């Protein structure tokens, strides 16, 4: 069993629809330690986080946050983590494309 720390970095490029930010590799369980959003726009933007649980074939809205103009926000609050199973997908959406930058800090634990 190997533990690897990773950063997944992306820009939300679709306006009003989910963009996959991080997908858990097969034979892996991932612990999401932090999700940081940065708004490059001159207006405040709302970002929705959704988790696709592939074992249940369902999407779950994790939350919505407002990100002030040219500012950043942490989606996960102090000492909170998200545990994802193999194949699960962390997705985000914003009504405006190409203004939200995302950094996700993840611990991947492989079973092989």
PDB file of N, CA and C in Angstrom:
ATOM      1  N   UNK A   1       0.847  -1.174   0.000  1.00  0.00           N
ATOM      2  CA  UNK A   1       0.000   0.000   0.000  1.00  0.00           C
ATOM      3  C   UNK A   1       0.891   1.236   0.000  1.00  0.00           C
ATOM      4  N   UNK A   2       0.722   2.079  -1.014  1.00  0.00           N
ATOM      5  CA  UNK A   2       1.532   3.286  -1.144  1.00  0.00           C
ATOM      6  C   UNK A   2       0.684   4.527  -0.882  1.00  0.00           C
ATOM      7  N   UNK A   3       1.277   5.484  -0.182  1.00  0.00           N
ATOM      8  CA  UNK A   3       0.632   6.772   0.059  1.00  0.00           C
ATOM      9  C   UNK A   3       1.365   7.836  -0.733  1.00  0.00           C
ATOM     10  N   UNK A   4       0.620   8.625  -1.509  1.00  0.00           N
ATOM     11  CA  UNK A   4       1.202   9.668  -2.336  1.00  0.00           C
ATOM     12  C   UNK A   4       0.387  10.938  -2.148  1.00  0.00           C
ATOM     13  N   UNK A   5       1.073  12.043  -1.843  1.00  0.00           N
ATOM     14  CA  UNK A   5       0.405  13.338  -1.753  1.00  0.00           C
ATOM     15  C   UNK A   5       0.453  14.003  -3.120  1.00  0.00           C
ATOM     16  N   UNK A   6      -0.695  14.569  -3.539  1.00  0.00           N
ATOM     17  CA  UNK A   6      -0.766  15.203  -4.852  1.00  0.00           C
ATOM     18  C   UNK A   6      -1.565  16.488  -4.770  1.00  0.00           C
ATOM     19  N   UNK A   7      -1.295  17.386  -5.721  1.00  0.00           N
ATOM     20  CA  UNK A   7      -2.124  18.563  -5.960  1.00  0.00           C
ATOM     21  C   UNK A   7      -2.786  18.384  -7.312  1.00  0.00           C
ATOM     22  N   UNK A   8      -4.085  18.596  -7.347  1.00  0.00           N
ATOM     23  CA  UNK A   8      -4.805  18.633  -8.622  1.00  0.00           C
ATOM     24  C   UNK A   8      -5.155  20.094  -8.849  1.00  0.00           C
ATOM     25  N   UNK A   9      -4.679  20.646  -9.956  1.00  0.00           N
ATOM     26  CA  UNK A   9      -4.931  22.051 -10.247  1.00  0.00           C
ATOM     27  C   UNK A   9      -5.672  22.163 -11.566  1.00  0.00           C
ATOM     28  N   UNK A  10      -6.671  23.051 -11.600  1.00  0.00           N
ATOM     29  CA  UNK A  10      -7.498  23.180 -12.793  1.00  0.00           C
ATOM     30  C   UNK A  10      -8.158  24.552 -12.806  1.00  0.00           C
ATOM     31  N   UNK A  11      -8.705  24.875 -13.959  1.00  0.00           N
ATOM     32  CA  UNK A  11      -9.549  26.048 -14.133  1.00  0.00           C
ATOM     33  C   UNK A  11     -10.927  25.549 -14.528  1.00  0.00           C
ATOM     34  N   UNK A  12     -11.971  26.115 -13.923  1.00  0.00           N
ATOM     35  CA  UNK A  12     -13.330  25.745 -14.308  1.00  0.00           C
ATOM     36  C   UNK A  12     -13.595  26.385 -15.664  1.00  0.00           C
ATOM     37  N   UNK A  13     -13.674  25.553 -16.703  1.00  0.00           N
ATOM     38  CA  UNK A  13     -13.744  26.062 -18.074  1.00  0.00           C
ATOM     39  C   UNK A  13     -15.137  26.051 -18.681  1.00  0.00           C
ATOM     40  N   UNK A  14     -16.086  25.356 -18.060  1.00  0.00           N
ATOM     41  CA  UNK A  14     -17.458  25.294 -18.589  1.00  0.00           C
ATOM     42  C   UNK A  14     -18.339  26.249 -17.804  1.00  0.00           C
ATOM     43  N   UNK A  15     -19.096  27.049 -18.500  1.00  0.00           N
ATOM     44  CA  UNK A  15     -20.025  27.969 -17.834  1.00  0.00           C
ATOM     45  C   UNK A  15     -21.319  27.236 -17.501  1.00  0.00           C
ATOM     46  N   UNK A  16     -21.624  27.115 -16.206  1.00  0.00           N
ATOM     47  CA  UNK A  16     -22.896  26.550 -15.782  1.00  0.00           C
ATOM     48  C   UNK A  16     -23.028  25.051 -15.820  1.00  0.00           C
ATOM     49  N   UNK A  17     -21.936  24.322 -16.070  1.00  0.00           N
ATOM     50  CA  UNK A  17     -22.009  22.861 -16.023  1.00  0.00           C
ATOM     51  C   UNK A  17     -20.775  22.327 -15.296  1.00  0.00           C
ATOM     52  N   UNK A  18     -20.903  21.106 -14.780  1.00  0.00           N
ATOM     53  CA  UNK A  18     -19.832  20.522 -13.979  1.00  0.00           C
ATOM     54  C   UNK A  18     -18.563  20.275 -14.782  1.00  0.00           C
ATOM     55  N   UNK A  19     -17.442  20.689 -14.218  1.00  0.00           N
ATOM     56  CA  UNK A  19     -16.120  20.366 -14.757  1.00  0.00           C
ATOM     57  C   UNK A  19     -15.470  19.356 -13.821  1.00  0.00           C
ATOM     58  N   UNK A  20     -15.013  18.216 -14.324  1.00  0.00           N
ATOM     59  CA  UNK A  20     -14.286  17.283 -13.452  1.00  0.00           C
ATOM     60  C   UNK A  20     -12.947  17.893 -13.060  1.00  0.00           C
ATOM     61  N   UNK A  21     -12.676  17.926 -11.763  1.00  0.00           N
ATOM     62  CA  UNK A  21     -11.436  18.499 -11.243  1.00  0.00           C
ATOM     63  C   UNK A  21     -10.465  17.388 -10.842  1.00  0.00           C
ATOM     64  N   UNK A  22     -11.001  16.342 -10.217  1.00  0.00           N
ATOM     65  CA  UNK A  22     -10.159  15.231  -9.758  1.00  0.00           C
ATOM     66  C   UNK A  22     -10.972  13.945  -9.802  1.00  0.00           C
ATOM     67  N   UNK A  23     -10.372  12.897 -10.369  1.00  0.00           N
ATOM     68  CA  UNK A  23     -10.969  11.565 -10.403  1.00  0.00           C
ATOM     69  C   UNK A  23     -10.038  10.606  -9.673  1.00  0.00           C
ATOM     70  N   UNK A  24     -10.593   9.838  -8.755  1.00  0.00           N
ATOM     71  CA  UNK A  24      -9.787   8.889  -7.980  1.00  0.00           C
ATOM     72  C   UNK A  24      -9.377   7.727  -8.881  1.00  0.00           C
ATOM     73  N   UNK A  25      -8.075   7.429  -8.933  1.00  0.00           N
ATOM     74  CA  UNK A  25      -7.617   6.294  -9.751  1.00  0.00           C
ATOM     75  C   UNK A  25      -8.167   4.957  -9.236  1.00  0.00           C
ATOM     76  N   UNK A  26      -8.150   3.946 -10.091  1.00  0.00           N
ATOM     77  CA  UNK A  26      -8.592   2.611  -9.679  1.00  0.00           C
ATOM     78  C   UNK A  26      -7.663   2.079  -8.587  1.00  0.00           C
ATOM     79  N   UNK A  27      -8.197   1.191  -7.758  1.00  0.00           N
ATOM     80  CA  UNK A  27      -7.455   0.592  -6.645  1.00  0.00           C
ATOM     81  C   UNK A  27      -6.909   1.628  -5.672  1.00  0.00           C
ATOM     82  N   UNK A  28      -7.625   2.745  -5.529  1.00  0.00           N
ATOM     83  CA  UNK A  28      -7.142   3.851  -4.696  1.00  0.00           C
ATOM     84  C   UNK A  28      -8.285   4.430  -3.875  1.00  0.00           C
ATOM     85  N   UNK A  29      -7.969   4.826  -2.658  1.00  0.00           N
ATOM     86  CA  UNK A  29      -8.846   5.640  -1.837  1.00  0.00           C
ATOM     87  C   UNK A  29      -8.137   6.970  -1.648  1.00  0.00           C
ATOM     88  N   UNK A  30      -8.878   8.069  -1.778  1.00  0.00           N
ATOM     89  CA  UNK A  30      -8.266   9.390  -1.667  1.00  0.00           C
ATOM     90  C   UNK A  30      -8.891  10.181  -0.533  1.00  0.00           C
ATOM     91  N   UNK A  31      -8.032  10.895   0.192  1.00  0.00           N
ATOM     92  CA  UNK A  31      -8.473  11.803   1.239  1.00  0.00           C
ATOM     93  C   UNK A  31      -8.180  13.217   0.740  1.00  0.00           C
ATOM     94  N   UNK A  32      -9.243  13.990   0.527  1.00  0.00           N
ATOM     95  CA  UNK A  32      -9.094  15.372   0.084  1.00  0.00           C
ATOM     96  C   UNK A  32      -8.904  16.226   1.331  1.00  0.00           C
ATOM     97  N   UNK A  33      -7.732  16.822   1.447  1.00  0.00           N
ATOM     98  CA  UNK A  33      -7.386  17.618   2.623  1.00  0.00           C
ATOM     99  C   UNK A  33      -7.817  19.073   2.467  1.00  0.00           C
ATOM    100  N   UNK A  34      -7.698  19.615   1.248  1.00  0.00           N
ATOM    101  CA  UNK A  34      -8.090  21.008   1.052  1.00  0.00           C
ATOM    102  C   UNK A  34      -8.542  21.243  -0.383  1.00  0.00           C
ATOM    103  N   UNK A  35      -9.447  22.200  -0.521  1.00  0.00           N
ATOM    104  CA  UNK A  35      -9.898  22.662  -1.832  1.00  0.00           C
ATOM    105  C   UNK A  35      -9.871  24.185  -1.762  1.00  0.00           C
ATOM    106  N   UNK A  36      -8.996  24.783  -2.553  1.00  0.00           N
ATOM    107  CA  UNK A  36      -8.840  26.247  -2.548  1.00  0.00           C
ATOM    108  C   UNK A  36      -9.261  26.798  -3.899  1.00  0.00           C
ATOM    109  N   UNK A  37     -10.085  27.839  -3.867  1.00  0.00           N
ATOM    110  CA  UNK A  37     -10.566  28.488  -5.076  1.00  0.00           C
ATOM    111  C   UNK A  37     -10.020  29.908  -5.133  1.00  0.00           C
ATOM    112  N   UNK A  38      -9.635  30.336  -6.333  1.00  0.00           N
ATOM    113  CA  UNK A  38      -9.210  31.720  -6.540  1.00  0.00           C
ATOM    114  C   UNK A  38     -10.011  32.303  -7.697  1.00  0.00           C
ATOM    115  N   UNK A  39     -10.618  33.460  -7.462  1.00  0.00           N
ATOM    116  CA  UNK A  39     -11.437  34.139  -8.461  1.00  0.00           C
ATOM    117  C   UNK A  39     -10.605  35.223  -9.132  1.00  0.00           C
ATOM    118  N   UNK A  40     -10.361  35.098 -10.419  1.00  0.00           N
ATOM    119  CA  UNK A  40      -9.571  36.088 -11.161  1.00  0.00           C
ATOM    120  C   UNK A  40     -10.430  37.216 -11.717  1.00  0.00           C
ATOM    121  N   UNK A  41     -11.742  37.111 -11.545  1.00  0.00           N
ATOM    122  CA  UNK A  41     -12.680  38.074 -12.136  1.00  0.00           C
ATOM    123  C   UNK A  41     -12.862  39.299 -11.238  1.00  0.00           C
ATOM    124  N   UNK A  42     -13.381  40.379 -11.811  1.00  0.00           N
ATOM    125  CA  UNK A  42     -13.656  41.612 -11.077  1.00  0.00           C
ATOM    126  C   UNK A  42     -15.004  41.570 -10.352  1.00  0.00           C
ATOM    127  N   UNK A  43     -15.750  40.481 -10.492  1.00  0.00           N
ATOM    128  CA  UNK A  43     -17.040  40.307  -9.813  1.00  0.00           C
ATOM    129  C   UNK A  43     -16.997  39.046  -8.956  1.00  0.00           C
ATOM    130  N   UNK A  44     -17.787  39.043  -7.888  1.00  0.00           N
ATOM    131  CA  UNK A  44     -17.891  37.851  -7.050  1.00  0.00           C
ATOM    132  C   UNK A  44     -18.539  36.724  -7.847  1.00  0.00           C
ATOM    133  N   UNK A  45     -18.129  35.508  -7.582  1.00  0.00           N
ATOM    134  CA  UNK A  45     -18.664  34.334  -8.286  1.00  0.00           C
ATOM    135  C   UNK A  45     -19.039  33.247  -7.280  1.00  0.00           C
ATOM    136  N   UNK A  46     -20.100  32.496  -7.598  1.00  0.00           N
ATOM    137  CA  UNK A  46     -20.515  31.360  -6.785  1.00  0.00           C
ATOM    138  C   UNK A  46     -20.044  30.076  -7.453  1.00  0.00           C
ATOM    139  N   UNK A  47     -19.478  29.194  -6.646  1.00  0.00           N
ATOM    140  CA  UNK A  47     -18.957  27.924  -7.152  1.00  0.00           C
ATOM    141  C   UNK A  47     -19.646  26.787  -6.403  1.00  0.00           C
ATOM    142  N   UNK A  48     -20.160  25.820  -7.177  1.00  0.00           N
ATOM    143  CA  UNK A  48     -20.794  24.638  -6.604  1.00  0.00           C
ATOM    144  C   UNK A  48     -19.854  23.448  -6.733  1.00  0.00           C
ATOM    145  N   UNK A  49     -19.727  22.699  -5.642  1.00  0.00           N
ATOM    146  CA  UNK A  49     -18.916  21.486  -5.630  1.00  0.00           C
ATOM    147  C   UNK A  49     -19.842  20.279  -5.584  1.00  0.00           C
ATOM    148  N   UNK A  50     -19.603  19.316  -6.477  1.00  0.00           N
ATOM    149  CA  UNK A  50     -20.397  18.095  -6.552  1.00  0.00           C
ATOM    150  C   UNK A  50     -19.459  16.902  -6.518  1.00  0.00           C
ATOM    151  N   UNK A  51     -19.896  15.851  -5.844  1.00  0.00           N
ATOM    152  CA  UNK A  51     -19.132  14.599  -5.810  1.00  0.00           C
ATOM    153  C   UNK A  51     -19.968  13.528  -6.499  1.00  0.00           C
ATOM    154  N   UNK A  52     -19.368  12.865  -7.480  1.00  0.00           N
ATOM    155  CA  UNK A  52     -20.005  11.720  -8.122  1.00  0.00           C
ATOM    156  C   UNK A  52     -19.535  10.465  -7.408  1.00  0.00           C
ATOM    157  N   UNK A  53     -20.476   9.759  -6.781  1.00  0.00           N
ATOM    158  CA  UNK A  53     -20.199   8.484  -6.141  1.00  0.00           C
ATOM    159  C   UNK A  53     -20.481   7.410  -7.183  1.00  0.00           C
ATOM    160  N   UNK A  54     -19.434   6.919  -7.825  1.00  0.00           N
ATOM    161  CA  UNK A  54     -19.639   5.973  -8.923  1.00  0.00           C
ATOM    162  C   UNK A  54     -20.188   4.630  -8.450  1.00  0.00           C
ATOM    163  N   UNK A  55     -19.918   4.250  -7.198  1.00  0.00           N
ATOM    164  CA  UNK A  55     -20.452   2.974  -6.711  1.00  0.00           C
ATOM    165  C   UNK A  55     -21.966   3.047  -6.520  1.00  0.00           C
ATOM    166  N   UNK A  56     -22.499   4.244  -6.315  1.00  0.00           N
ATOM    167  CA  UNK A  56     -23.944   4.422  -6.158  1.00  0.00           C
ATOM    168  C   UNK A  56     -24.580   5.038  -7.405  1.00  0.00           C
ATOM    169  N   UNK A  57     -23.759   5.319  -8.413  1.00  0.00           N
ATOM    170  CA  UNK A  57     -24.227   5.969  -9.642  1.00  0.00           C
ATOM    171  C   UNK A  57     -25.044   7.227  -9.338  1.00  0.00           C
ATOM    172  N   UNK A  58     -24.502   8.068  -8.461  1.00  0.00           N
ATOM    173  CA  UNK A  58     -25.241   9.260  -8.041  1.00  0.00           C
ATOM    174  C   UNK A  58     -24.310  10.447  -7.849  1.00  0.00           C
ATOM    175  N   UNK A  59     -24.869  11.636  -8.079  1.00  0.00           N
ATOM    176  CA  UNK A  59     -24.168  12.886  -7.813  1.00  0.00           C
ATOM    177  C   UNK A  59     -24.716  13.498  -6.532  1.00  0.00           C
ATOM    178  N   UNK A  60     -23.820  14.041  -5.711  1.00  0.00           N
ATOM    179  CA  UNK A  60     -24.209  14.692  -4.476  1.00  0.00           C
ATOM    180  C   UNK A  60     -23.595  16.085  -4.434  1.00  0.00           C
ATOM    181  N   UNK A  61     -24.448  17.087  -4.256  1.00  0.00           N
ATOM    182  CA  UNK A  61     -23.922  18.444  -4.119  1.00  0.00           C
ATOM    183  C   UNK A  61     -23.279  18.547  -2.748  1.00  0.00           C
ATOM    184  N   UNK A  62     -22.009  18.893  -2.739  1.00  0.00           N
ATOM    185  CA  UNK A  62     -21.250  18.998  -1.499  1.00  0.00           C
ATOM    186  C   UNK A  62     -21.452  20.369  -0.868  1.00  0.00           C
ATOM    187  N   UNK A  63     -21.551  21.404  -1.715  1.00  0.00           N
ATOM    188  CA  UNK A  63     -21.768  22.738  -1.182  1.00  0.00           C
ATOM    189  C   UNK A  63     -21.583  23.810  -2.230  1.00  0.00           C
ATOM    190  N   UNK A  64     -21.943  25.035  -1.823  1.00  0.00           N
ATOM    191  CA  UNK A  64     -21.761  26.212  -2.671  1.00  0.00           C
ATOM    192  C   UNK A  64     -21.053  27.270  -1.849  1.00  0.00           C
ATOM    193  N   UNK A  65     -20.115  27.964  -2.487  1.00  0.00           N
ATOM    194  CA  UNK A  65     -19.414  29.052  -1.817  1.00  0.00           C
ATOM    195  C   UNK A  65     -19.350  30.250  -2.750  1.00  0.00           C
ATOM    196  N   UNK A  66     -19.326  31.428  -2.156  1.00  0.00           N
ATOM    197  CA  UNK A  66     -19.133  32.651  -2.922  1.00  0.00           C
ATOM    198  C   UNK A  66     -17.673  33.058  -2.797  1.00  0.00           C
ATOM    199  N   UNK A  67     -17.081  33.402  -3.923  1.00  0.00           N
ATOM    200  CA  UNK A  67     -15.686  33.840  -3.935  1.00  0.00           C
ATOM    201  C   UNK A  67     -15.672  35.301  -4.368  1.00  0.00           C
ATOM    202  N   UNK A  68     -15.230  36.183  -3.487  1.00  0.00           N
ATOM    203  CA  UNK A  68     -15.178  37.614  -3.783  1.00  0.00           C
ATOM    204  C   UNK A  68     -14.262  37.885  -4.962  1.00  0.00           C
ATOM    205  N   UNK A  69     -14.455  39.033  -5.570  1.00  0.00           N
ATOM    206  CA  UNK A  69     -13.628  39.450  -6.708  1.00  0.00           C
ATOM    207  C   UNK A  69     -12.154  39.433  -6.335  1.00  0.00           C
ATOM    208  N   UNK A  70     -11.348  38.885  -7.225  1.00  0.00           N
ATOM    209  CA  UNK A  70      -9.883  38.763  -7.061  1.00  0.00           C
ATOM    210  C   UNK A  70      -9.497  38.338  -5.651  1.00  0.00           C
ATOM    211  N   UNK A  71     -10.151  37.291  -5.181  1.00  0.00           N
ATOM    212  CA  UNK A  71      -9.896  36.784  -3.839  1.00  0.00           C
ATOM    213  C   UNK A  71      -9.949  35.264  -3.862  1.00  0.00           C
ATOM    214  N   UNK A  72      -9.583  34.645  -2.733  1.00  0.00           N
ATOM    215  CA  UNK A  72      -9.613  33.186  -2.646  1.00  0.00           C
ATOM    216  C   UNK A  72     -10.420  32.756  -1.427  1.00  0.00           C
ATOM    217  N   UNK A  73     -10.823  31.487  -1.449  1.00  0.00           N
ATOM    218  CA  UNK A  73     -11.598  30.914  -0.347  1.00  0.00           C
ATOM    219  C   UNK A  73     -11.286  29.422  -0.264  1.00  0.00           C
ATOM    220  N   UNK A  74     -11.335  28.889   0.947  1.00  0.00           N
ATOM    221  CA  UNK A  74     -11.193  27.451   1.165  1.00  0.00           C
ATOM    222  C   UNK A  74     -12.576  26.829   1.235  1.00  0.00           C
ATOM    223  N   UNK A  75     -12.799  25.783   0.461  1.00  0.00           N
ATOM    224  CA  UNK A  75     -14.091  25.099   0.454  1.00  0.00           C
ATOM    225  C   UNK A  75     -14.248  24.241   1.707  1.00  0.00           C
ATOM    226  N   UNK A  76     -13.178  23.549   2.087  1.00  0.00           N
ATOM    227  CA  UNK A  76     -13.218  22.729   3.301  1.00  0.00           C
ATOM    228  C   UNK A  76     -12.822  23.581   4.493  1.00  0.00           C
ATOM    229  N   UNK A  77     -13.601  23.498   5.560  1.00  0.00           N
ATOM    230  CA  UNK A  77     -13.288  24.255   6.754  1.00  0.00           C
ATOM    231  C   UNK A  77     -12.281  23.500   7.613  1.00  0.00           C
ATOM    232  N   UNK A  78     -11.805  24.127   8.638  1.00  0.00           N
ATOM    233  CA  UNK A  78     -10.752  23.596   9.498  1.00  0.00           C
ATOM    234  C   UNK A  78     -11.036  22.163   9.954  1.00  0.00           C
ATOM    235  N   UNK A  79     -10.066  21.292   9.755  1.00  0.00           N
ATOM    236  CA  UNK A  79     -10.094  19.883  10.172  1.00  0.00           C
ATOM    237  C   UNK A  79     -11.149  19.028   9.484  1.00  0.00           C
ATOM    238  N   UNK A  80     -11.705  19.475   8.375  1.00  0.00           N
ATOM    239  CA  UNK A  80     -12.634  18.654   7.598  1.00  0.00           C
ATOM    240  C   UNK A  80     -11.903  18.064   6.408  1.00  0.00           C
ATOM    241  N   UNK A  81     -12.243  16.841   6.072  1.00  0.00           N
ATOM    242  CA  UNK A  81     -11.690  16.169   4.900  1.00  0.00           C
ATOM    243  C   UNK A  81     -12.835  15.482   4.167  1.00  0.00           C
ATOM    244  N   UNK A  82     -12.571  15.102   2.915  1.00  0.00           N
ATOM    245  CA  UNK A  82     -13.524  14.320   2.139  1.00  0.00           C
ATOM    246  C   UNK A  82     -12.821  13.030   1.728  1.00  0.00           C
ATOM    247  N   UNK A  83     -13.455  11.890   1.965  1.00  0.00           N
ATOM    248  CA  UNK A  83     -12.899  10.600   1.582  1.00  0.00           C
ATOM    249  C   UNK A  83     -13.621  10.139   0.311  1.00  0.00           C
ATOM    250  N   UNK A  84     -12.836   9.833  -0.716  1.00  0.00           N
ATOM    251  CA  UNK A  84     -13.382   9.391  -2.005  1.00  0.00           C
ATOM    252  C   UNK A  84     -12.858   7.996  -2.322  1.00  0.00           C
ATOM    253  N   UNK A  85     -13.722   7.191  -2.938  1.00  0.00           N
ATOM    254  CA  UNK A  85     -13.358   5.834  -3.330  1.00  0.00           C
ATOM    255  C   UNK A  85     -12.931   5.805  -4.793  1.00  0.00           C
ATOM    256  N   UNK A  86     -12.347   4.692  -5.198  1.00  0.00           N
ATOM    257  CA  UNK A  86     -11.893   4.516  -6.580  1.00  0.00           C
ATOM    258  C   UNK A  86     -13.006   4.859  -7.556  1.00  0.00           C
ATOM    259  N   UNK A  87     -12.689   5.707  -8.528  1.00  0.00           N
ATOM    260  CA  UNK A  87     -13.639   6.092  -9.557  1.00  0.00           C
ATOM    261  C   UNK A  87     -14.487   7.305  -9.219  1.00  0.00           C
ATOM    262  N   UNK A  88     -14.535   7.716  -7.949  1.00  0.00           N
ATOM    263  CA  UNK A  88     -15.318   8.893  -7.580  1.00  0.00           C
ATOM    264  C   UNK A  88     -14.724  10.139  -8.238  1.00  0.00           C
ATOM    265  N   UNK A  89     -15.586  11.131  -8.477  1.00  0.00           N
ATOM    266  CA  UNK A  89     -15.159  12.329  -9.204  1.00  0.00           C
ATOM    267  C   UNK A  89     -15.555  13.569  -8.416  1.00  0.00           C
ATOM    268  N   UNK A  90     -14.599  14.467  -8.222  1.00  0.00           N
ATOM    269  CA  UNK A  90     -14.844  15.773  -7.636  1.00  0.00           C
ATOM    270  C   UNK A  90     -15.057  16.742  -8.787  1.00  0.00           C
ATOM    271  N   UNK A  91     -16.243  17.403  -8.806  1.00  0.00           N
ATOM    272  CA  UNK A  91     -16.575  18.300  -9.914  1.00  0.00           C
ATOM    273  C   UNK A  91     -16.953  19.664  -9.363  1.00  0.00           C
ATOM    274  N   UNK A  92     -16.747  20.699 -10.192  1.00  0.00           N
ATOM    275  CA  UNK A  92     -17.110  22.055  -9.793  1.00  0.00           C
ATOM    276  C   UNK A  92     -17.740  22.779 -10.966  1.00  0.00           C
ATOM    277  N   UNK A  93     -18.604  23.749 -10.633  1.00  0.00           N
ATOM    278  CA  UNK A  93     -19.189  24.569 -11.685  1.00  0.00           C
ATOM    279  C   UNK A  93     -19.335  26.008 -11.210  1.00  0.00           C
ATOM    280  N   UNK A  94     -19.278  26.903 -12.194  1.00  0.00           N
ATOM    281  CA  UNK A  94     -19.443  28.335 -11.987  1.00  0.00           C
ATOM    282  C   UNK A  94     -20.211  28.862 -13.200  1.00  0.00           C
ATOM    283  N   UNK A  95     -21.023  29.882 -13.006  1.00  0.00           N
ATOM    284  CA  UNK A  95     -21.813  30.427 -14.113  1.00  0.00           C
ATOM    285  C   UNK A  95     -20.946  31.098 -15.174  1.00  0.00           C
ATOM    286  N   UNK A  96     -19.733  31.473 -14.801  1.00  0.00           N
ATOM    287  CA  UNK A  96     -18.815  32.136 -15.727  1.00  0.00           C
ATOM    288  C   UNK A  96     -17.578  31.265 -15.918  1.00  0.00           C
ATOM    289  N   UNK A  97     -17.221  31.011 -17.156  1.00  0.00           N
ATOM    290  CA  UNK A  97     -16.069  30.147 -17.451  1.00  0.00           C
ATOM    291  C   UNK A  97     -14.755  30.903 -17.308  1.00  0.00           C
ATOM    292  N   UNK A  98     -13.718  30.160 -17.008  1.00  0.00           N
ATOM    293  CA  UNK A  98     -12.325  30.621 -17.039  1.00  0.00           C
ATOM    294  C   UNK A  98     -11.995  31.730 -16.050  1.00  0.00           C
ATOM    295  N   UNK A  99     -12.722  31.822 -14.929  1.00  0.00           N
ATOM    296  CA  UNK A  99     -12.383  32.828 -13.923  1.00  0.00           C
ATOM    297  C   UNK A  99     -12.033  32.216 -12.569  1.00  0.00           C
ATOM    298  N   UNK A 100     -12.361  30.938 -12.363  1.00  0.00           N
ATOM    299  CA  UNK A 100     -12.078  30.279 -11.086  1.00  0.00           C
ATOM    300  C   UNK A 100     -10.954  29.263 -11.268  1.00  0.00           C
ATOM    301  N   UNK A 101      -9.886  29.453 -10.490  1.00  0.00           N
ATOM    302  CA  UNK A 101      -8.756  28.519 -10.453  1.00  0.00           C
ATOM    303  C   UNK A 101      -8.911  27.649  -9.211  1.00  0.00           C
ATOM    304  N   UNK A 102      -8.649  26.362  -9.355  1.00  0.00           N
ATOM    305  CA  UNK A 102      -8.871  25.392  -8.281  1.00  0.00           C
ATOM    306  C   UNK A 102      -7.574  24.655  -7.961  1.00  0.00           C
ATOM    307  N   UNK A 103      -7.287  24.510  -6.663  1.00  0.00           N
ATOM    308  CA  UNK A 103      -6.193  23.652  -6.210  1.00  0.00           C
ATOM    309  C   UNK A 103      -6.745  22.710  -5.149  1.00  0.00           C
ATOM    310  N   UNK A 104      -6.579  21.409  -5.390  1.00  0.00           N
ATOM    311  CA  UNK A 104      -7.057  20.381  -4.474  1.00  0.00           C
ATOM    312  C   UNK A 104      -5.848  19.602  -3.968  1.00  0.00           C
ATOM    313  N   UNK A 105      -5.698  19.509  -2.646  1.00  0.00           N
ATOM    314  CA  UNK A 105      -4.625  18.724  -2.032  1.00  0.00           C
ATOM    315  C   UNK A 105      -5.200  17.371  -1.619  1.00  0.00           C
ATOM    316  N   UNK A 106      -4.578  16.290  -2.123  1.00  0.00           N
ATOM    317  CA  UNK A 106      -5.125  14.945  -1.972  1.00  0.00           C
ATOM    318  C   UNK A 106      -4.041  13.975  -1.493  1.00  0.00           C
ATOM    319  N   UNK A 107      -4.437  13.081  -0.592  1.00  0.00           N
ATOM    320  CA  UNK A 107      -3.603  11.938  -0.219  1.00  0.00           C
ATOM    321  C   UNK A 107      -4.206  10.722  -0.890  1.00  0.00           C
ATOM    322  N   UNK A 108      -3.459  10.099  -1.812  1.00  0.00           N
ATOM    323  CA  UNK A 108      -3.911   8.884  -2.481  1.00  0.00           C
ATOM    324  C   UNK A 108      -3.287   7.673  -1.810  1.00  0.00           C
ATOM    325  N   UNK A 109      -4.128   6.709  -1.453  1.00  0.00           N
ATOM    326  CA  UNK A 109      -3.670   5.472  -0.833  1.00  0.00           C
ATOM    327  C   UNK A 109      -4.031   4.324  -1.759  1.00  0.00           C
ATOM    328  N   UNK A 110      -3.025   3.774  -2.412  1.00  0.00           N
ATOM    329  CA  UNK A 110      -3.278   2.680  -3.357  1.00  0.00           C
ATOM    330  C   UNK A 110      -3.266   1.344  -2.642  1.00  0.00           C
ATOM    331  N   UNK A 111      -4.104   0.420  -3.147  1.00  0.00           N
ATOM    332  CA  UNK A 111      -4.225  -0.899  -2.530  1.00  0.00           C
ATOM    333  C   UNK A 111      -3.315  -1.932  -3.173  1.00  0.00           C
ATOM    334  N   UNK A 112      -2.654  -1.562  -4.246  1.00  0.00           N
ATOM    335  CA  UNK A 112      -1.799  -2.539  -4.924  1.00  0.00           C
ATOM    336  C   UNK A 112      -0.360  -2.378  -4.546  1.00  0.00           C
TER     337      UNK A 112
END
